[in-house]
Amino acid sequence: MAKGSWKEKRGILIAFLGPDDDATDFLPAELPKSRLKGQRTSLNRRSLVEVPRSGRSTLSDYYAPRLADMNPNEEGQQHAN
């Protein structure tokens, strides 16, 4: 999110996070901290979503949107507003 704008992201649901759960507990230990795009902890219930980067990159970034911002699609993937 930049300057108050929303960008839709599509990815694969990794985990549901409760209040105060640390998102990094659900990620590989060797993953660079810069790949988590969001807060490690929150007072809100959230999901942890793996979002592939566009273009030729084979890397993925990880986002932790609030559950209220999630919309499942028919293919079983999730997307966040």
C-alpha atoms as a PDB file:
ATOM      1  CA  MET A   1       0.000   0.000   0.000  1.00  0.00           C
ATOM      2  CA  ALA A   2       1.401   3.365  -0.954  1.00  0.00           C
ATOM      3  CA  LYS A   3       0.023   6.819  -0.164  1.00  0.00           C
ATOM      4  CA  GLY A   4      -3.368   5.446   0.823  1.00  0.00           C
ATOM      5  CA  SER A   5      -4.008   3.552  -2.415  1.00  0.00           C
ATOM      6  CA  TRP A   6      -5.036  -0.087  -2.734  1.00  0.00           C
ATOM      7  CA  LYS A   7      -3.544  -2.600  -5.107  1.00  0.00           C
ATOM      8  CA  GLU A   8      -5.140  -5.980  -5.561  1.00  0.00           C
ATOM      9  CA  LYS A   9      -2.785  -8.898  -4.998  1.00  0.00           C
ATOM     10  CA  ARG A  10      -3.459 -12.564  -5.740  1.00  0.00           C
ATOM     11  CA  GLY A  11      -1.730 -15.389  -3.988  1.00  0.00           C
ATOM     12  CA  ILE A  12      -1.914 -18.583  -1.978  1.00  0.00           C
ATOM     13  CA  LEU A  13      -3.209 -18.646   1.573  1.00  0.00           C
ATOM     14  CA  ILE A  14      -0.457 -19.903   3.915  1.00  0.00           C
ATOM     15  CA  ALA A  15      -2.008 -19.465   7.373  1.00  0.00           C
ATOM     16  CA  PHE A  16      -4.599 -17.690   9.469  1.00  0.00           C
ATOM     17  CA  LEU A  17      -3.036 -15.422  12.087  1.00  0.00           C
ATOM     18  CA  GLY A  18      -4.702 -14.571  15.367  1.00  0.00           C
ATOM     19  CA  PRO A  19      -4.174 -11.387  17.360  1.00  0.00           C
ATOM     20  CA  ASP A  20      -0.518 -11.078  18.414  1.00  0.00           C
ATOM     21  CA  ASP A  21       0.601 -14.049  16.243  1.00  0.00           C
ATOM     22  CA  ASP A  22       4.019 -13.397  14.698  1.00  0.00           C
ATOM     23  CA  ALA A  23       3.821 -13.835  10.915  1.00  0.00           C
ATOM     24  CA  THR A  24       7.496 -14.834  10.744  1.00  0.00           C
ATOM     25  CA  ASP A  25       6.710 -17.986  12.755  1.00  0.00           C
ATOM     26  CA  PHE A  26       4.929 -19.319   9.643  1.00  0.00           C
ATOM     27  CA  LEU A  27       7.687 -18.448   7.142  1.00  0.00           C
ATOM     28  CA  PRO A  28      10.897 -20.351   6.320  1.00  0.00           C
ATOM     29  CA  ALA A  29      13.688 -19.397   8.733  1.00  0.00           C
ATOM     30  CA  GLU A  30      16.094 -18.541   5.892  1.00  0.00           C
ATOM     31  CA  LEU A  31      13.664 -16.106   4.237  1.00  0.00           C
ATOM     32  CA  PRO A  32      15.010 -12.512   4.219  1.00  0.00           C
ATOM     33  CA  LYS A  33      12.992 -10.151   6.439  1.00  0.00           C
ATOM     34  CA  SER A  34      12.449  -7.853   3.455  1.00  0.00           C
ATOM     35  CA  ARG A  35      10.157 -10.428   1.803  1.00  0.00           C
ATOM     36  CA  LEU A  36       7.439  -9.955   4.462  1.00  0.00           C
ATOM     37  CA  LYS A  37       5.444  -6.950   3.261  1.00  0.00           C
ATOM     38  CA  GLY A  38       3.497  -6.034   6.356  1.00  0.00           C
ATOM     39  CA  GLN A  39       3.685  -6.038  10.112  1.00  0.00           C
ATOM     40  CA  ARG A  40       4.975  -9.056  11.987  1.00  0.00           C
ATOM     41  CA  THR A  41       2.264  -8.756  14.656  1.00  0.00           C
ATOM     42  CA  SER A  42      -1.117  -7.080  14.868  1.00  0.00           C
ATOM     43  CA  LEU A  43      -4.119  -6.837  17.158  1.00  0.00           C
ATOM     44  CA  ASN A  44      -6.330  -7.881  14.197  1.00  0.00           C
ATOM     45  CA  ARG A  45      -7.061 -11.349  12.843  1.00  0.00           C
ATOM     46  CA  ARG A  46      -5.159 -11.684   9.577  1.00  0.00           C
ATOM     47  CA  SER A  47      -4.132 -14.141   6.926  1.00  0.00           C
ATOM     48  CA  LEU A  48      -0.667 -14.847   5.598  1.00  0.00           C
ATOM     49  CA  VAL A  49      -0.588 -14.927   1.801  1.00  0.00           C
ATOM     50  CA  GLU A  50       2.260 -15.858  -0.552  1.00  0.00           C
ATOM     51  CA  VAL A  51       2.165 -13.608  -3.636  1.00  0.00           C
ATOM     52  CA  PRO A  52       4.429 -14.431  -6.603  1.00  0.00           C
ATOM     53  CA  ARG A  53       6.305 -11.472  -8.044  1.00  0.00           C
ATOM     54  CA  SER A  54       5.489 -10.478 -11.594  1.00  0.00           C
ATOM     55  CA  GLY A  55       7.731 -10.760 -14.616  1.00  0.00           C
ATOM     56  CA  ARG A  56      10.528 -13.294 -14.837  1.00  0.00           C
ATOM     57  CA  SER A  57      11.146 -13.434 -11.095  1.00  0.00           C
ATOM     58  CA  THR A  58      10.712 -16.793  -9.385  1.00  0.00           C
ATOM     59  CA  LEU A  59      10.502 -15.166  -5.941  1.00  0.00           C
ATOM     60  CA  SER A  60       7.413 -14.570  -3.841  1.00  0.00           C
ATOM     61  CA  ASP A  61       6.608 -11.927  -1.262  1.00  0.00           C
ATOM     62  CA  TYR A  62       4.426 -12.499   1.776  1.00  0.00           C
ATOM     63  CA  TYR A  63       1.581 -10.238   2.884  1.00  0.00           C
ATOM     64  CA  ALA A  64      -0.562 -10.286   6.024  1.00  0.00           C
ATOM     65  CA  PRO A  65      -3.866  -8.535   5.204  1.00  0.00           C
ATOM     66  CA  ARG A  66      -6.774  -8.377   7.645  1.00  0.00           C
ATOM     67  CA  LEU A  67      -9.277 -11.182   7.148  1.00  0.00           C
ATOM     68  CA  ALA A  68     -11.956  -8.591   6.374  1.00  0.00           C
ATOM     69  CA  ASP A  69      -9.916  -7.526   3.314  1.00  0.00           C
ATOM     70  CA  MET A  70      -9.710 -11.020   1.845  1.00  0.00           C
ATOM     71  CA  ASN A  71     -11.888 -12.330  -1.009  1.00  0.00           C
ATOM     72  CA  PRO A  72     -11.641 -16.012  -1.981  1.00  0.00           C
ATOM     73  CA  ASN A  73     -11.875 -16.833  -5.666  1.00  0.00           C
ATOM     74  CA  GLU A  74     -13.208 -19.950  -7.341  1.00  0.00           C
ATOM     75  CA  GLU A  75      -9.754 -21.489  -7.863  1.00  0.00           C
ATOM     76  CA  GLY A  76      -9.051 -21.727  -4.158  1.00  0.00           C
ATOM     77  CA  GLN A  77      -6.601 -18.834  -4.194  1.00  0.00           C
ATOM     78  CA  GLN A  78      -7.149 -15.680  -2.197  1.00  0.00           C
ATOM     79  CA  HIS A  79      -6.728 -12.072  -3.174  1.00  0.00           C
ATOM     80  CA  ALA A  80      -6.373  -9.054  -0.979  1.00  0.00           C
ATOM     81  CA  ASN A  81      -7.535  -5.570  -1.819  1.00  0.00           C
END
